[in-house]
Amino acid sequence: MDDGKRFSRLVTIELSAEGKRKGVTQRSLAEAMGIGATQFSLYLAGRRGAMTVATLVRACEYLGIAPEVIVQRAYQALLDEGRADQASPSA
């Protein structure tokens, strides 16, 4: 998976986790983002390209969290994934 899709997937995972903490369903979060539940699932699976900034902002406004918090969490997860990949023994 390319880095753009990986990062978009991680952003979606962070949005979903924040929604879960606040008792928001993925379906209602997707609606607030202006996308369908299926499209949201594709982002989660990393099978969809990067979401737009406008979509991210709508989700963050709905969740009451600053977009930069979600982006920073996703970026940290991306870095952590890279470290895990580097630490894995070669086959």
C-alpha atoms as a PDB file:
ATOM      1  CA  MET A   1       0.000   0.000   0.000  1.00  0.00           C
ATOM      2  CA  ASP A   2       1.436   3.405  -0.880  1.00  0.00           C
ATOM      3  CA  ASP A   3       2.148   5.960   1.846  1.00  0.00           C
ATOM      4  CA  GLY A   4      -0.781   8.195   0.868  1.00  0.00           C
ATOM      5  CA  LYS A   5      -3.287   5.375   1.252  1.00  0.00           C
ATOM      6  CA  ARG A   6      -1.588   4.168   4.445  1.00  0.00           C
ATOM      7  CA  PHE A   7      -1.779   7.649   5.919  1.00  0.00           C
ATOM      8  CA  SER A   8      -5.404   8.146   4.858  1.00  0.00           C
ATOM      9  CA  ARG A   9      -6.235   4.763   6.402  1.00  0.00           C
ATOM     10  CA  LEU A  10      -4.563   5.797   9.658  1.00  0.00           C
ATOM     11  CA  VAL A  11      -6.415   9.129   9.679  1.00  0.00           C
ATOM     12  CA  THR A  12      -9.677   7.228   9.264  1.00  0.00           C
ATOM     13  CA  ILE A  13      -8.706   4.810  12.039  1.00  0.00           C
ATOM     14  CA  GLU A  14      -8.003   7.768  14.339  1.00  0.00           C
ATOM     15  CA  LEU A  15     -11.327   9.389  13.422  1.00  0.00           C
ATOM     16  CA  SER A  16     -13.122   6.117  14.081  1.00  0.00           C
ATOM     17  CA  ALA A  17     -11.355   5.674  17.438  1.00  0.00           C
ATOM     18  CA  GLU A  18     -12.226   9.228  18.472  1.00  0.00           C
ATOM     19  CA  GLY A  19     -15.826   8.603  17.477  1.00  0.00           C
ATOM     20  CA  LYS A  20     -15.879   5.402  19.503  1.00  0.00           C
ATOM     21  CA  ARG A  21     -14.548   7.271  22.563  1.00  0.00           C
ATOM     22  CA  LYS A  22     -17.398   9.746  22.139  1.00  0.00           C
ATOM     23  CA  GLY A  23     -20.102   7.148  21.433  1.00  0.00           C
ATOM     24  CA  VAL A  24     -20.449   8.043  17.748  1.00  0.00           C
ATOM     25  CA  THR A  25     -21.151   5.273  15.242  1.00  0.00           C
ATOM     26  CA  GLN A  26     -19.123   4.935  12.074  1.00  0.00           C
ATOM     27  CA  ARG A  27     -22.310   5.395  10.081  1.00  0.00           C
ATOM     28  CA  SER A  28     -23.148   8.740  11.706  1.00  0.00           C
ATOM     29  CA  LEU A  29     -19.530   9.861  11.379  1.00  0.00           C
ATOM     30  CA  ALA A  30     -19.572   8.969   7.682  1.00  0.00           C
ATOM     31  CA  GLU A  31     -22.802  10.946   7.234  1.00  0.00           C
ATOM     32  CA  ALA A  32     -21.243  13.956   8.968  1.00  0.00           C
ATOM     33  CA  MET A  33     -18.263  13.644   6.626  1.00  0.00           C
ATOM     34  CA  GLY A  34     -20.601  13.700   3.644  1.00  0.00           C
ATOM     35  CA  ILE A  35     -19.676  10.177   2.532  1.00  0.00           C
ATOM     36  CA  GLY A  36     -21.406   6.826   2.667  1.00  0.00           C
ATOM     37  CA  ALA A  37     -20.713   4.102   5.194  1.00  0.00           C
ATOM     38  CA  THR A  38     -19.261   1.932   2.420  1.00  0.00           C
ATOM     39  CA  GLN A  39     -16.791   4.633   1.423  1.00  0.00           C
ATOM     40  CA  PHE A  40     -15.823   5.058   5.087  1.00  0.00           C
ATOM     41  CA  SER A  41     -15.185   1.297   5.284  1.00  0.00           C
ATOM     42  CA  LEU A  42     -13.005   1.506   2.177  1.00  0.00           C
ATOM     43  CA  TYR A  43     -10.925   4.251   3.815  1.00  0.00           C
ATOM     44  CA  LEU A  44     -10.578   2.070   6.936  1.00  0.00           C
ATOM     45  CA  ALA A  45      -9.418  -0.867   4.840  1.00  0.00           C
ATOM     46  CA  GLY A  46      -6.933   1.275   2.915  1.00  0.00           C
ATOM     47  CA  ARG A  47      -8.723   0.481  -0.322  1.00  0.00           C
ATOM     48  CA  ARG A  48      -9.665   4.080  -1.042  1.00  0.00           C
ATOM     49  CA  GLY A  49      -7.387   7.003  -1.884  1.00  0.00           C
ATOM     50  CA  ALA A  50      -6.766   9.909   0.438  1.00  0.00           C
ATOM     51  CA  MET A  51      -9.774  11.782   1.757  1.00  0.00           C
ATOM     52  CA  THR A  52      -9.994  15.491   1.122  1.00  0.00           C
ATOM     53  CA  VAL A  53      -9.059  18.037   3.749  1.00  0.00           C
ATOM     54  CA  ALA A  54     -12.654  19.277   3.675  1.00  0.00           C
ATOM     55  CA  THR A  55     -13.880  15.774   4.563  1.00  0.00           C
ATOM     56  CA  LEU A  56     -11.402  15.558   7.431  1.00  0.00           C
ATOM     57  CA  VAL A  57     -12.455  18.980   8.724  1.00  0.00           C
ATOM     58  CA  ARG A  58     -16.163  18.055   8.619  1.00  0.00           C
ATOM     59  CA  ALA A  59     -15.445  14.900  10.625  1.00  0.00           C
ATOM     60  CA  CYS A  60     -13.371  16.784  13.183  1.00  0.00           C
ATOM     61  CA  GLU A  61     -15.998  19.497  13.579  1.00  0.00           C
ATOM     62  CA  TYR A  62     -18.606  16.784  14.172  1.00  0.00           C
ATOM     63  CA  LEU A  63     -16.378  15.092  16.756  1.00  0.00           C
ATOM     64  CA  GLY A  64     -15.334  18.357  18.395  1.00  0.00           C
ATOM     65  CA  ILE A  65     -11.608  17.784  17.902  1.00  0.00           C
ATOM     66  CA  ALA A  66      -8.972  19.803  16.067  1.00  0.00           C
ATOM     67  CA  PRO A  67      -7.929  18.242  12.736  1.00  0.00           C
ATOM     68  CA  GLU A  68      -4.263  18.640  13.643  1.00  0.00           C
ATOM     69  CA  VAL A  69      -4.763  16.297  16.620  1.00  0.00           C
ATOM     70  CA  ILE A  70      -6.084  13.552  14.335  1.00  0.00           C
ATOM     71  CA  VAL A  71      -3.347  14.175  11.766  1.00  0.00           C
ATOM     72  CA  GLN A  72      -0.634  14.090  14.439  1.00  0.00           C
ATOM     73  CA  ARG A  73      -1.970  10.807  15.853  1.00  0.00           C
ATOM     74  CA  ALA A  74      -2.099   9.294  12.367  1.00  0.00           C
ATOM     75  CA  TYR A  75       1.405  10.532  11.576  1.00  0.00           C
ATOM     76  CA  GLN A  76       2.731   9.027  14.797  1.00  0.00           C
ATOM     77  CA  ALA A  77       1.061   5.718  13.931  1.00  0.00           C
ATOM     78  CA  LEU A  78       2.679   5.856  10.468  1.00  0.00           C
ATOM     79  CA  LEU A  79       6.086   6.407  12.080  1.00  0.00           C
ATOM     80  CA  ASP A  80       5.429   3.570  14.520  1.00  0.00           C
ATOM     81  CA  GLU A  81       4.493   1.259  11.634  1.00  0.00           C
ATOM     82  CA  GLY A  82       7.757   2.146   9.908  1.00  0.00           C
ATOM     83  CA  ARG A  83       9.727   1.353  13.047  1.00  0.00           C
ATOM     84  CA  ALA A  84       7.901  -1.963  13.391  1.00  0.00           C
ATOM     85  CA  ASP A  85       8.680  -2.795   9.744  1.00  0.00           C
ATOM     86  CA  GLN A  86      12.359  -2.009  10.307  1.00  0.00           C
ATOM     87  CA  ALA A  87      12.479  -4.132  13.462  1.00  0.00           C
ATOM     88  CA  SER A  88      10.892  -7.164  11.792  1.00  0.00           C
ATOM     89  CA  PRO A  89      13.388  -9.860  10.808  1.00  0.00           C
ATOM     90  CA  SER A  90      13.765 -10.446   7.078  1.00  0.00           C
ATOM     91  CA  ALA A  91      12.317 -13.640   5.677  1.00  0.00           C
END
